[in-house]
Amino acid sequence: MGGRPPAPQPGWEPPPRTQKGLVGALLDANFDHLVTPKLIKVWYVLALVLITVQCLVVFGFGVWIATWDDFWAWGVILVLTSPVVWLFELIMVRILMEAVIVRFKGVEYLRVIKDKI
């Protein structure tokens, strides 16, 4: 009676969780199936592509400016800093996405613990 939860009955197991696809998870009104962990890989690849394209454009712009007579130093600065900017942006996106995944993994682990009780 001390406020402890009842012990599970012998042979009882929580109902199995079925994996739903993306559309099934989107239509899940109980929010038992999470969509974000399924989409995070797509968002990461998309961010990687966009960051790479952006830095390649800045790099090309820097090469073009470096051919000018008066502003060649700005072009060299753009060429030298574009890989550093690429790495910085990639690290920031990775940290953000890892934080999101850690949050959702915690929810999954709590759900498993709840099902075992």
PDB file of N, CA and C in Angstrom:
ATOM      1  N   MET A   1       0.797  -1.200   0.000  1.00  0.00           N
ATOM      2  CA  MET A   1       0.000   0.000   0.000  1.00  0.00           C
ATOM      3  C   MET A   1       0.836   1.259   0.000  1.00  0.00           C
ATOM      4  N   GLY A   2       2.121   1.161   0.072  1.00  0.00           N
ATOM      5  CA  GLY A   2       3.007   2.302   0.195  1.00  0.00           C
ATOM      6  C   GLY A   2       3.127   3.116  -1.083  1.00  0.00           C
ATOM      7  N   GLY A   3       2.156   3.078  -1.967  1.00  0.00           N
ATOM      8  CA  GLY A   3       2.208   3.865  -3.181  1.00  0.00           C
ATOM      9  C   GLY A   3       3.002   3.223  -4.300  1.00  0.00           C
ATOM     10  N   ARG A   4       3.365   1.952  -4.074  1.00  0.00           N
ATOM     11  CA  ARG A   4       4.108   1.265  -5.137  1.00  0.00           C
ATOM     12  C   ARG A   4       3.150   0.795  -6.214  1.00  0.00           C
ATOM     13  N   PRO A   5       3.599   0.807  -7.470  1.00  0.00           N
ATOM     14  CA  PRO A   5       2.727   0.287  -8.531  1.00  0.00           C
ATOM     15  C   PRO A   5       2.593  -1.228  -8.390  1.00  0.00           C
ATOM     16  N   PRO A   6       1.484  -1.761  -8.852  1.00  0.00           N
ATOM     17  CA  PRO A   6       1.301  -3.210  -8.749  1.00  0.00           C
ATOM     18  C   PRO A   6       2.335  -3.950  -9.581  1.00  0.00           C
ATOM     19  N   ALA A   7       2.729  -5.101  -9.059  1.00  0.00           N
ATOM     20  CA  ALA A   7       3.710  -5.916  -9.784  1.00  0.00           C
ATOM     21  C   ALA A   7       3.050  -6.487 -11.040  1.00  0.00           C
ATOM     22  N   PRO A   8       3.810  -6.575 -12.129  1.00  0.00           N
ATOM     23  CA  PRO A   8       3.220  -7.146 -13.347  1.00  0.00           C
ATOM     24  C   PRO A   8       2.871  -8.617 -13.143  1.00  0.00           C
ATOM     25  N   GLN A   9       1.789  -9.008 -13.774  1.00  0.00           N
ATOM     26  CA  GLN A   9       1.342 -10.397 -13.692  1.00  0.00           C
ATOM     27  C   GLN A   9       2.317 -11.292 -14.434  1.00  0.00           C
ATOM     28  N   PRO A  10       2.526 -12.522 -13.937  1.00  0.00           N
ATOM     29  CA  PRO A  10       3.435 -13.424 -14.650  1.00  0.00           C
ATOM     30  C   PRO A  10       2.945 -13.675 -16.066  1.00  0.00           C
ATOM     31  N   GLY A  11       3.872 -13.582 -16.994  1.00  0.00           N
ATOM     32  CA  GLY A  11       3.543 -13.838 -18.396  1.00  0.00           C
ATOM     33  C   GLY A  11       2.969 -12.635 -19.127  1.00  0.00           C
ATOM     34  N   TRP A  12       2.745 -11.518 -18.416  1.00  0.00           N
ATOM     35  CA  TRP A  12       2.199 -10.345 -19.077  1.00  0.00           C
ATOM     36  C   TRP A  12       3.312  -9.567 -19.755  1.00  0.00           C
ATOM     37  N   GLU A  13       3.073  -9.122 -20.948  1.00  0.00           N
ATOM     38  CA  GLU A  13       4.009  -8.264 -21.671  1.00  0.00           C
ATOM     39  C   GLU A  13       3.231  -7.114 -22.269  1.00  0.00           C
ATOM     40  N   PRO A  14       3.879  -5.951 -22.373  1.00  0.00           N
ATOM     41  CA  PRO A  14       3.171  -4.829 -22.986  1.00  0.00           C
ATOM     42  C   PRO A  14       2.873  -5.143 -24.445  1.00  0.00           C
ATOM     43  N   PRO A  15       1.830  -4.530 -24.973  1.00  0.00           N
ATOM     44  CA  PRO A  15       1.507  -4.788 -26.378  1.00  0.00           C
ATOM     45  C   PRO A  15       2.649  -4.336 -27.282  1.00  0.00           C
ATOM     46  N   PRO A  16       2.927  -5.096 -28.334  1.00  0.00           N
ATOM     47  CA  PRO A  16       4.040  -4.714 -29.212  1.00  0.00           C
ATOM     48  C   PRO A  16       3.722  -3.430 -29.962  1.00  0.00           C
ATOM     49  N   ARG A  17       4.753  -2.623 -30.134  1.00  0.00           N
ATOM     50  CA  ARG A  17       4.601  -1.389 -30.900  1.00  0.00           C
ATOM     51  C   ARG A  17       4.898  -1.690 -32.359  1.00  0.00           C
ATOM     52  N   THR A  18       4.001  -1.285 -33.188  1.00  0.00           N
ATOM     53  CA  THR A  18       4.208  -1.484 -34.616  1.00  0.00           C
ATOM     54  C   THR A  18       4.846  -0.227 -35.186  1.00  0.00           C
ATOM     55  N   GLN A  19       5.708  -0.417 -36.134  1.00  0.00           N
ATOM     56  CA  GLN A  19       6.333   0.712 -36.801  1.00  0.00           C
ATOM     57  C   GLN A  19       5.432   1.155 -37.950  1.00  0.00           C
ATOM     58  N   LYS A  20       5.133   2.427 -37.983  1.00  0.00           N
ATOM     59  CA  LYS A  20       4.337   2.977 -39.073  1.00  0.00           C
ATOM     60  C   LYS A  20       5.260   3.710 -40.027  1.00  0.00           C
ATOM     61  N   GLY A  21       4.847   3.788 -41.244  1.00  0.00           N
ATOM     62  CA  GLY A  21       5.591   4.562 -42.227  1.00  0.00           C
ATOM     63  C   GLY A  21       5.387   6.054 -41.990  1.00  0.00           C
ATOM     64  N   LEU A  22       5.946   6.847 -42.863  1.00  0.00           N
ATOM     65  CA  LEU A  22       5.872   8.295 -42.717  1.00  0.00           C
ATOM     66  C   LEU A  22       4.428   8.789 -42.772  1.00  0.00           C
ATOM     67  N   VAL A  23       3.659   8.315 -43.737  1.00  0.00           N
ATOM     68  CA  VAL A  23       2.269   8.761 -43.876  1.00  0.00           C
ATOM     69  C   VAL A  23       1.447   8.277 -42.686  1.00  0.00           C
ATOM     70  N   GLY A  24       1.675   7.031 -42.264  1.00  0.00           N
ATOM     71  CA  GLY A  24       0.953   6.508 -41.107  1.00  0.00           C
ATOM     72  C   GLY A  24       1.267   7.293 -39.846  1.00  0.00           C
ATOM     73  N   ALA A  25       2.528   7.667 -39.673  1.00  0.00           N
ATOM     74  CA  ALA A  25       2.921   8.454 -38.503  1.00  0.00           C
ATOM     75  C   ALA A  25       2.330   9.861 -38.573  1.00  0.00           C
ATOM     76  N   LEU A  26       2.245  10.437 -39.775  1.00  0.00           N
ATOM     77  CA  LEU A  26       1.649  11.766 -39.916  1.00  0.00           C
ATOM     78  C   LEU A  26       0.168  11.764 -39.562  1.00  0.00           C
ATOM     79  N   LEU A  27      -0.515  10.654 -39.854  1.00  0.00           N
ATOM     80  CA  LEU A  27      -1.950  10.565 -39.604  1.00  0.00           C
ATOM     81  C   LEU A  27      -2.277  10.006 -38.225  1.00  0.00           C
ATOM     82  N   ASP A  28      -1.286   9.745 -37.400  1.00  0.00           N
ATOM     83  CA  ASP A  28      -1.483   9.205 -36.060  1.00  0.00           C
ATOM     84  C   ASP A  28      -1.932  10.326 -35.127  1.00  0.00           C
ATOM     85  N   ALA A  29      -3.220  10.357 -34.789  1.00  0.00           N
ATOM     86  CA  ALA A  29      -3.772  11.429 -33.962  1.00  0.00           C
ATOM     87  C   ALA A  29      -3.366  11.301 -32.497  1.00  0.00           C
ATOM     88  N   ASN A  30      -2.891  10.130 -32.061  1.00  0.00           N
ATOM     89  CA  ASN A  30      -2.467   9.943 -30.682  1.00  0.00           C
ATOM     90  C   ASN A  30      -1.005  10.308 -30.462  1.00  0.00           C
ATOM     91  N   PHE A  31      -0.296  10.586 -31.516  1.00  0.00           N
ATOM     92  CA  PHE A  31       1.129  10.933 -31.473  1.00  0.00           C
ATOM     93  C   PHE A  31       1.961   9.825 -30.827  1.00  0.00           C
ATOM     94  N   ASP A  32       1.573   8.574 -31.078  1.00  0.00           N
ATOM     95  CA  ASP A  32       2.357   7.433 -30.594  1.00  0.00           C
ATOM     96  C   ASP A  32       3.560   7.165 -31.478  1.00  0.00           C
ATOM     97  N   HIS A  33       3.493   7.591 -32.711  1.00  0.00           N
ATOM     98  CA  HIS A  33       4.589   7.377 -33.672  1.00  0.00           C
ATOM     99  C   HIS A  33       5.123   8.743 -34.086  1.00  0.00           C
ATOM    100  N   LEU A  34       6.405   8.947 -33.873  1.00  0.00           N
ATOM    101  CA  LEU A  34       7.013  10.255 -34.103  1.00  0.00           C
ATOM    102  C   LEU A  34       7.520  10.378 -35.535  1.00  0.00           C
ATOM    103  N   VAL A  35       7.320  11.535 -36.119  1.00  0.00           N
ATOM    104  CA  VAL A  35       7.705  11.791 -37.507  1.00  0.00           C
ATOM    105  C   VAL A  35       9.112  12.376 -37.595  1.00  0.00           C
ATOM    106  N   THR A  36       9.473  13.212 -36.639  1.00  0.00           N
ATOM    107  CA  THR A  36      10.745  13.927 -36.710  1.00  0.00           C
ATOM    108  C   THR A  36      11.953  13.003 -36.837  1.00  0.00           C
ATOM    109  N   PRO A  37      12.055  11.905 -36.062  1.00  0.00           N
ATOM    110  CA  PRO A  37      13.217  11.028 -36.243  1.00  0.00           C
ATOM    111  C   PRO A  37      13.301  10.415 -37.646  1.00  0.00           C
ATOM    112  N   LYS A  38      12.148  10.256 -38.285  1.00  0.00           N
ATOM    113  CA  LYS A  38      12.153   9.713 -39.645  1.00  0.00           C
ATOM    114  C   LYS A  38      12.631  10.769 -40.660  1.00  0.00           C
ATOM    115  N   LEU A  39      12.321  12.027 -40.393  1.00  0.00           N
ATOM    116  CA  LEU A  39      12.647  13.102 -41.337  1.00  0.00           C
ATOM    117  C   LEU A  39      14.015  13.732 -41.110  1.00  0.00           C
ATOM    118  N   ILE A  40      14.621  13.509 -39.952  1.00  0.00           N
ATOM    119  CA  ILE A  40      15.852  14.227 -39.607  1.00  0.00           C
ATOM    120  C   ILE A  40      16.985  13.905 -40.576  1.00  0.00           C
ATOM    121  N   LYS A  41      17.030  12.674 -41.088  1.00  0.00           N
ATOM    122  CA  LYS A  41      18.084  12.314 -42.044  1.00  0.00           C
ATOM    123  C   LYS A  41      17.932  13.108 -43.342  1.00  0.00           C
ATOM    124  N   VAL A  42      16.694  13.261 -43.782  1.00  0.00           N
ATOM    125  CA  VAL A  42      16.445  14.021 -45.011  1.00  0.00           C
ATOM    126  C   VAL A  42      16.836  15.482 -44.810  1.00  0.00           C
ATOM    127  N   TRP A  43      16.452  16.048 -43.657  1.00  0.00           N
ATOM    128  CA  TRP A  43      16.791  17.441 -43.376  1.00  0.00           C
ATOM    129  C   TRP A  43      18.300  17.639 -43.280  1.00  0.00           C
ATOM    130  N   TYR A  44      19.008  16.659 -42.713  1.00  0.00           N
ATOM    131  CA  TYR A  44      20.460  16.776 -42.594  1.00  0.00           C
ATOM    132  C   TYR A  44      21.121  16.761 -43.970  1.00  0.00           C
ATOM    133  N   VAL A  45      20.705  15.857 -44.828  1.00  0.00           N
ATOM    134  CA  VAL A  45      21.275  15.790 -46.181  1.00  0.00           C
ATOM    135  C   VAL A  45      20.941  17.068 -46.950  1.00  0.00           C
ATOM    136  N   LEU A  46      19.716  17.551 -46.815  1.00  0.00           N
ATOM    137  CA  LEU A  46      19.325  18.790 -47.488  1.00  0.00           C
ATOM    138  C   LEU A  46      20.160  19.967 -46.992  1.00  0.00           C
ATOM    139  N   ALA A  47      20.368  20.051 -45.673  1.00  0.00           N
ATOM    140  CA  ALA A  47      21.193  21.128 -45.118  1.00  0.00           C
ATOM    141  C   ALA A  47      22.629  21.015 -45.602  1.00  0.00           C
ATOM    142  N   LEU A  48      23.151  19.804 -45.660  1.00  0.00           N
ATOM    143  CA  LEU A  48      24.515  19.591 -46.155  1.00  0.00           C
ATOM    144  C   LEU A  48      24.652  20.059 -47.599  1.00  0.00           C
ATOM    145  N   VAL A  49      23.680  19.724 -48.425  1.00  0.00           N
ATOM    146  CA  VAL A  49      23.718  20.144 -49.833  1.00  0.00           C
ATOM    147  C   VAL A  49      23.628  21.668 -49.938  1.00  0.00           C
ATOM    148  N   LEU A  50      22.714  22.279 -49.185  1.00  0.00           N
ATOM    149  CA  LEU A  50      22.559  23.738 -49.269  1.00  0.00           C
ATOM    150  C   LEU A  50      23.790  24.476 -48.761  1.00  0.00           C
ATOM    151  N   ILE A  51      24.382  23.999 -47.675  1.00  0.00           N
ATOM    152  CA  ILE A  51      25.602  24.622 -47.151  1.00  0.00           C
ATOM    153  C   ILE A  51      26.739  24.495 -48.163  1.00  0.00           C
ATOM    154  N   THR A  52      26.852  23.328 -48.783  1.00  0.00           N
ATOM    155  CA  THR A  52      27.914  23.114 -49.767  1.00  0.00           C
ATOM    156  C   THR A  52      27.726  24.018 -50.982  1.00  0.00           C
ATOM    157  N   VAL A  53      26.497  24.111 -51.485  1.00  0.00           N
ATOM    158  CA  VAL A  53      26.228  24.978 -52.646  1.00  0.00           C
ATOM    159  C   VAL A  53      26.517  26.436 -52.294  1.00  0.00           C
ATOM    160  N   GLN A  54      26.083  26.855 -51.113  1.00  0.00           N
ATOM    161  CA  GLN A  54      26.331  28.236 -50.701  1.00  0.00           C
ATOM    162  C   GLN A  54      27.819  28.535 -50.655  1.00  0.00           C
ATOM    163  N   CYS A  55      28.595  27.644 -50.061  1.00  0.00           N
ATOM    164  CA  CYS A  55      30.034  27.884 -49.944  1.00  0.00           C
ATOM    165  C   CYS A  55      30.742  27.792 -51.291  1.00  0.00           C
ATOM    166  N   LEU A  56      30.260  26.933 -52.175  1.00  0.00           N
ATOM    167  CA  LEU A  56      30.843  26.885 -53.524  1.00  0.00           C
ATOM    168  C   LEU A  56      30.568  28.175 -54.289  1.00  0.00           C
ATOM    169  N   VAL A  57      29.379  28.742 -54.115  1.00  0.00           N
ATOM    170  CA  VAL A  57      29.054  30.014 -54.767  1.00  0.00           C
ATOM    171  C   VAL A  57      29.948  31.129 -54.216  1.00  0.00           C
ATOM    172  N   VAL A  58      30.130  31.169 -52.901  1.00  0.00           N
ATOM    173  CA  VAL A  58      31.001  32.186 -52.294  1.00  0.00           C
ATOM    174  C   VAL A  58      32.439  31.981 -52.761  1.00  0.00           C
ATOM    175  N   PHE A  59      32.878  30.720 -52.839  1.00  0.00           N
ATOM    176  CA  PHE A  59      34.224  30.420 -53.326  1.00  0.00           C
ATOM    177  C   PHE A  59      34.399  30.908 -54.771  1.00  0.00           C
ATOM    178  N   GLY A  60      33.436  30.594 -55.626  1.00  0.00           N
ATOM    179  CA  GLY A  60      33.499  31.043 -57.020  1.00  0.00           C
ATOM    180  C   GLY A  60      33.468  32.557 -57.137  1.00  0.00           C
ATOM    181  N   PHE A  61      32.640  33.187 -56.316  1.00  0.00           N
ATOM    182  CA  PHE A  61      32.586  34.642 -56.300  1.00  0.00           C
ATOM    183  C   PHE A  61      33.926  35.225 -55.869  1.00  0.00           C
ATOM    184  N   GLY A  62      34.559  34.567 -54.874  1.00  0.00           N
ATOM    185  CA  GLY A  62      35.877  35.018 -54.413  1.00  0.00           C
ATOM    186  C   GLY A  62      36.930  34.878 -55.494  1.00  0.00           C
ATOM    187  N   VAL A  63      36.886  33.775 -56.247  1.00  0.00           N
ATOM    188  CA  VAL A  63      37.837  33.591 -57.361  1.00  0.00           C
ATOM    189  C   VAL A  63      37.619  34.674 -58.408  1.00  0.00           C
ATOM    190  N   TRP A  64      36.356  34.998 -58.692  1.00  0.00           N
ATOM    191  CA  TRP A  64      36.038  36.033 -59.684  1.00  0.00           C
ATOM    192  C   TRP A  64      36.537  37.401 -59.207  1.00  0.00           C
ATOM    193  N   ILE A  65      36.310  37.738 -57.940  1.00  0.00           N
ATOM    194  CA  ILE A  65      36.763  39.030 -57.404  1.00  0.00           C
ATOM    195  C   ILE A  65      38.291  39.082 -57.351  1.00  0.00           C
ATOM    196  N   ALA A  66      38.939  37.942 -57.105  1.00  0.00           N
ATOM    197  CA  ALA A  66      40.407  37.923 -57.029  1.00  0.00           C
ATOM    198  C   ALA A  66      41.048  38.292 -58.365  1.00  0.00           C
ATOM    199  N   THR A  67      40.310  38.210 -59.462  1.00  0.00           N
ATOM    200  CA  THR A  67      40.870  38.585 -60.771  1.00  0.00           C
ATOM    201  C   THR A  67      40.814  40.100 -61.009  1.00  0.00           C
ATOM    202  N   TRP A  68      40.094  40.831 -60.172  1.00  0.00           N
ATOM    203  CA  TRP A  68      40.014  42.279 -60.325  1.00  0.00           C
ATOM    204  C   TRP A  68      41.324  42.918 -59.879  1.00  0.00           C
ATOM    205  N   ASP A  69      41.615  44.066 -60.421  1.00  0.00           N
ATOM    206  CA  ASP A  69      42.856  44.754 -60.084  1.00  0.00           C
ATOM    207  C   ASP A  69      42.801  45.408 -58.700  1.00  0.00           C
ATOM    208  N   ASP A  70      41.677  46.024 -58.363  1.00  0.00           N
ATOM    209  CA  ASP A  70      41.605  46.804 -57.127  1.00  0.00           C
ATOM    210  C   ASP A  70      41.150  45.996 -55.908  1.00  0.00           C
ATOM    211  N   PHE A  71      40.354  44.964 -56.100  1.00  0.00           N
ATOM    212  CA  PHE A  71      39.740  44.260 -54.971  1.00  0.00           C
ATOM    213  C   PHE A  71      40.202  42.811 -54.854  1.00  0.00           C
ATOM    214  N   TRP A  72      41.358  42.495 -55.347  1.00  0.00           N
ATOM    215  CA  TRP A  72      41.825  41.111 -55.348  1.00  0.00           C
ATOM    216  C   TRP A  72      41.970  40.547 -53.942  1.00  0.00           C
ATOM    217  N   ALA A  73      42.294  41.388 -52.957  1.00  0.00           N
ATOM    218  CA  ALA A  73      42.472  40.910 -51.577  1.00  0.00           C
ATOM    219  C   ALA A  73      41.151  40.394 -50.999  1.00  0.00           C
ATOM    220  N   TRP A  74      40.037  41.064 -51.327  1.00  0.00           N
ATOM    221  CA  TRP A  74      38.727  40.579 -50.871  1.00  0.00           C
ATOM    222  C   TRP A  74      38.414  39.218 -51.475  1.00  0.00           C
ATOM    223  N   GLY A  75      38.778  39.032 -52.705  1.00  0.00           N
ATOM    224  CA  GLY A  75      38.574  37.725 -53.346  1.00  0.00           C
ATOM    225  C   GLY A  75      39.367  36.626 -52.661  1.00  0.00           C
ATOM    226  N   VAL A  76      40.609  36.929 -52.307  1.00  0.00           N
ATOM    227  CA  VAL A  76      41.451  35.944 -51.611  1.00  0.00           C
ATOM    228  C   VAL A  76      40.854  35.628 -50.236  1.00  0.00           C
ATOM    229  N   ILE A  77      40.352  36.655 -49.560  1.00  0.00           N
ATOM    230  CA  ILE A  77      39.725  36.433 -48.252  1.00  0.00           C
ATOM    231  C   ILE A  77      38.500  35.521 -48.392  1.00  0.00           C
ATOM    232  N   LEU A  78      37.677  35.762 -49.397  1.00  0.00           N
ATOM    233  CA  LEU A  78      36.497  34.909 -49.613  1.00  0.00           C
ATOM    234  C   LEU A  78      36.899  33.472 -49.931  1.00  0.00           C
ATOM    235  N   VAL A  79      37.920  33.305 -50.750  1.00  0.00           N
ATOM    236  CA  VAL A  79      38.380  31.959 -51.109  1.00  0.00           C
ATOM    237  C   VAL A  79      38.916  31.234 -49.886  1.00  0.00           C
ATOM    238  N   LEU A  80      39.667  31.926 -49.047  1.00  0.00           N
ATOM    239  CA  LEU A  80      40.263  31.280 -47.873  1.00  0.00           C
ATOM    240  C   LEU A  80      39.248  31.002 -46.760  1.00  0.00           C
ATOM    241  N   THR A  81      38.232  31.842 -46.641  1.00  0.00           N
ATOM    242  CA  THR A  81      37.278  31.663 -45.550  1.00  0.00           C
ATOM    243  C   THR A  81      36.109  30.752 -45.898  1.00  0.00           C
ATOM    244  N   SER A  82      35.851  30.497 -47.153  1.00  0.00           N
ATOM    245  CA  SER A  82      34.690  29.668 -47.497  1.00  0.00           C
ATOM    246  C   SER A  82      34.772  28.250 -46.927  1.00  0.00           C
ATOM    247  N   PRO A  83      35.928  27.567 -46.917  1.00  0.00           N
ATOM    248  CA  PRO A  83      35.955  26.241 -46.262  1.00  0.00           C
ATOM    249  C   PRO A  83      35.735  26.323 -44.748  1.00  0.00           C
ATOM    250  N   VAL A  84      36.228  27.398 -44.122  1.00  0.00           N
ATOM    251  CA  VAL A  84      36.032  27.564 -42.679  1.00  0.00           C
ATOM    252  C   VAL A  84      34.547  27.793 -42.379  1.00  0.00           C
ATOM    253  N   VAL A  85      33.899  28.600 -43.197  1.00  0.00           N
ATOM    254  CA  VAL A  85      32.470  28.855 -43.031  1.00  0.00           C
ATOM    255  C   VAL A  85      31.682  27.571 -43.259  1.00  0.00           C
ATOM    256  N   TRP A  86      32.077  26.787 -44.270  1.00  0.00           N
ATOM    257  CA  TRP A  86      31.410  25.501 -44.540  1.00  0.00           C
ATOM    258  C   TRP A  86      31.492  24.591 -43.322  1.00  0.00           C
ATOM    259  N   LEU A  87      32.672  24.466 -42.738  1.00  0.00           N
ATOM    260  CA  LEU A  87      32.857  23.607 -41.576  1.00  0.00           C
ATOM    261  C   LEU A  87      32.060  24.120 -40.380  1.00  0.00           C
ATOM    262  N   PHE A  88      32.081  25.424 -40.132  1.00  0.00           N
ATOM    263  CA  PHE A  88      31.346  26.008 -39.021  1.00  0.00           C
ATOM    264  C   PHE A  88      29.842  25.774 -39.162  1.00  0.00           C
ATOM    265  N   GLU A  89      29.308  26.031 -40.358  1.00  0.00           N
ATOM    266  CA  GLU A  89      27.876  25.845 -40.578  1.00  0.00           C
ATOM    267  C   GLU A  89      27.480  24.377 -40.442  1.00  0.00           C
ATOM    268  N   LEU A  90      28.325  23.491 -40.939  1.00  0.00           N
ATOM    269  CA  LEU A  90      28.036  22.063 -40.830  1.00  0.00           C
ATOM    270  C   LEU A  90      28.033  21.620 -39.366  1.00  0.00           C
ATOM    271  N   ILE A  91      28.965  22.103 -38.577  1.00  0.00           N
ATOM    272  CA  ILE A  91      29.008  21.763 -37.151  1.00  0.00           C
ATOM    273  C   ILE A  91      27.763  22.292 -36.442  1.00  0.00           C
ATOM    274  N   MET A  92      27.346  23.507 -36.754  1.00  0.00           N
ATOM    275  CA  MET A  92      26.159  24.071 -36.111  1.00  0.00           C
ATOM    276  C   MET A  92      24.900  23.277 -36.452  1.00  0.00           C
ATOM    277  N   VAL A  93      24.742  22.907 -37.715  1.00  0.00           N
ATOM    278  CA  VAL A  93      23.581  22.110 -38.121  1.00  0.00           C
ATOM    279  C   VAL A  93      23.619  20.748 -37.437  1.00  0.00           C
ATOM    280  N   ARG A  94      24.796  20.140 -37.372  1.00  0.00           N
ATOM    281  CA  ARG A  94      24.931  18.825 -36.736  1.00  0.00           C
ATOM    282  C   ARG A  94      24.581  18.897 -35.246  1.00  0.00           C
ATOM    283  N   ILE A  95      25.052  19.927 -34.551  1.00  0.00           N
ATOM    284  CA  ILE A  95      24.736  20.088 -33.126  1.00  0.00           C
ATOM    285  C   ILE A  95      23.232  20.243 -32.930  1.00  0.00           C
ATOM    286  N   LEU A  96      22.601  21.056 -33.744  1.00  0.00           N
ATOM    287  CA  LEU A  96      21.162  21.260 -33.637  1.00  0.00           C
ATOM    288  C   LEU A  96      20.403  19.961 -33.867  1.00  0.00           C
ATOM    289  N   MET A  97      20.775  19.226 -34.899  1.00  0.00           N
ATOM    290  CA  MET A  97      20.057  17.990 -35.211  1.00  0.00           C
ATOM    291  C   MET A  97      20.331  16.897 -34.183  1.00  0.00           C
ATOM    292  N   GLU A  98      21.551  16.846 -33.648  1.00  0.00           N
ATOM    293  CA  GLU A  98      21.830  15.880 -32.591  1.00  0.00           C
ATOM    294  C   GLU A  98      21.029  16.205 -31.340  1.00  0.00           C
ATOM    295  N   ALA A  99      20.844  17.486 -31.034  1.00  0.00           N
ATOM    296  CA  ALA A  99      20.038  17.872 -29.872  1.00  0.00           C
ATOM    297  C   ALA A  99      18.592  17.416 -30.057  1.00  0.00           C
ATOM    298  N   VAL A 100      18.076  17.559 -31.258  1.00  0.00           N
ATOM    299  CA  VAL A 100      16.706  17.117 -31.542  1.00  0.00           C
ATOM    300  C   VAL A 100      16.604  15.600 -31.385  1.00  0.00           C
ATOM    301  N   ILE A 101      17.565  14.872 -31.935  1.00  0.00           N
ATOM    302  CA  ILE A 101      17.528  13.410 -31.862  1.00  0.00           C
ATOM    303  C   ILE A 101      17.658  12.938 -30.414  1.00  0.00           C
ATOM    304  N   VAL A 102      18.539  13.562 -29.633  1.00  0.00           N
ATOM    305  CA  VAL A 102      18.689  13.177 -28.229  1.00  0.00           C
ATOM    306  C   VAL A 102      17.367  13.370 -27.497  1.00  0.00           C
ATOM    307  N   ARG A 103      16.688  14.449 -27.780  1.00  0.00           N
ATOM    308  CA  ARG A 103      15.382  14.712 -27.151  1.00  0.00           C
ATOM    309  C   ARG A 103      14.376  13.615 -27.508  1.00  0.00           C
ATOM    310  N   PHE A 104      14.317  13.230 -28.769  1.00  0.00           N
ATOM    311  CA  PHE A 104      13.359  12.217 -29.190  1.00  0.00           C
ATOM    312  C   PHE A 104      13.764  10.822 -28.712  1.00  0.00           C
ATOM    313  N   LYS A 105      15.049  10.537 -28.650  1.00  0.00           N
ATOM    314  CA  LYS A 105      15.501   9.244 -28.117  1.00  0.00           C
ATOM    315  C   LYS A 105      15.118   9.130 -26.645  1.00  0.00           C
ATOM    316  N   GLY A 106      15.230  10.215 -25.902  1.00  0.00           N
ATOM    317  CA  GLY A 106      14.809  10.203 -24.508  1.00  0.00           C
ATOM    318  C   GLY A 106      13.335   9.850 -24.370  1.00  0.00           C
ATOM    319  N   VAL A 107      12.509  10.400 -25.252  1.00  0.00           N
ATOM    320  CA  VAL A 107      11.077  10.084 -25.250  1.00  0.00           C
ATOM    321  C   VAL A 107      10.865   8.599 -25.557  1.00  0.00           C
ATOM    322  N   GLU A 108      11.606   8.068 -26.531  1.00  0.00           N
ATOM    323  CA  GLU A 108      11.476   6.644 -26.860  1.00  0.00           C
ATOM    324  C   GLU A 108      11.862   5.767 -25.677  1.00  0.00           C
ATOM    325  N   TYR A 109      12.963   6.098 -25.005  1.00  0.00           N
ATOM    326  CA  TYR A 109      13.409   5.299 -23.866  1.00  0.00           C
ATOM    327  C   TYR A 109      12.413   5.385 -22.713  1.00  0.00           C
ATOM    328  N   LEU A 110      11.837   6.563 -22.477  1.00  0.00           N
ATOM    329  CA  LEU A 110      10.820   6.694 -21.439  1.00  0.00           C
ATOM    330  C   LEU A 110       9.583   5.858 -21.768  1.00  0.00           C
ATOM    331  N   ARG A 111       9.239   5.807 -23.043  1.00  0.00           N
ATOM    332  CA  ARG A 111       8.081   5.007 -23.467  1.00  0.00           C
ATOM    333  C   ARG A 111       8.339   3.520 -23.227  1.00  0.00           C
ATOM    334  N   VAL A 112       9.552   3.062 -23.497  1.00  0.00           N
ATOM    335  CA  VAL A 112       9.909   1.667 -23.260  1.00  0.00           C
ATOM    336  C   VAL A 112       9.860   1.357 -21.763  1.00  0.00           C
ATOM    337  N   ILE A 113      10.364   2.282 -20.942  1.00  0.00           N
ATOM    338  CA  ILE A 113      10.321   2.089 -19.491  1.00  0.00           C
ATOM    339  C   ILE A 113       8.885   2.037 -19.010  1.00  0.00           C
ATOM    340  N   LYS A 114       8.043   2.930 -19.539  1.00  0.00           N
ATOM    341  CA  LYS A 114       6.625   2.952 -19.155  1.00  0.00           C
ATOM    342  C   LYS A 114       5.941   1.644 -19.527  1.00  0.00           C
ATOM    343  N   ASP A 115       6.270   1.096 -20.690  1.00  0.00           N
ATOM    344  CA  ASP A 115       5.659  -0.155 -21.120  1.00  0.00           C
ATOM    345  C   ASP A 115       6.089  -1.340 -20.262  1.00  0.00           C
ATOM    346  N   LYS A 116       7.277  -1.264 -19.665  1.00  0.00           N
ATOM    347  CA  LYS A 116       7.760  -2.357 -18.824  1.00  0.00           C
ATOM    348  C   LYS A 116       7.169  -2.327 -17.433  1.00  0.00           C
ATOM    349  N   ILE A 117       6.648  -1.180 -17.031  1.00  0.00           N
ATOM    350  CA  ILE A 117       6.082  -1.058 -15.673  1.00  0.00           C
ATOM    351  C   ILE A 117       4.713  -1.690 -15.620  1.00  0.00           C
TER     352      ILE A 117
END
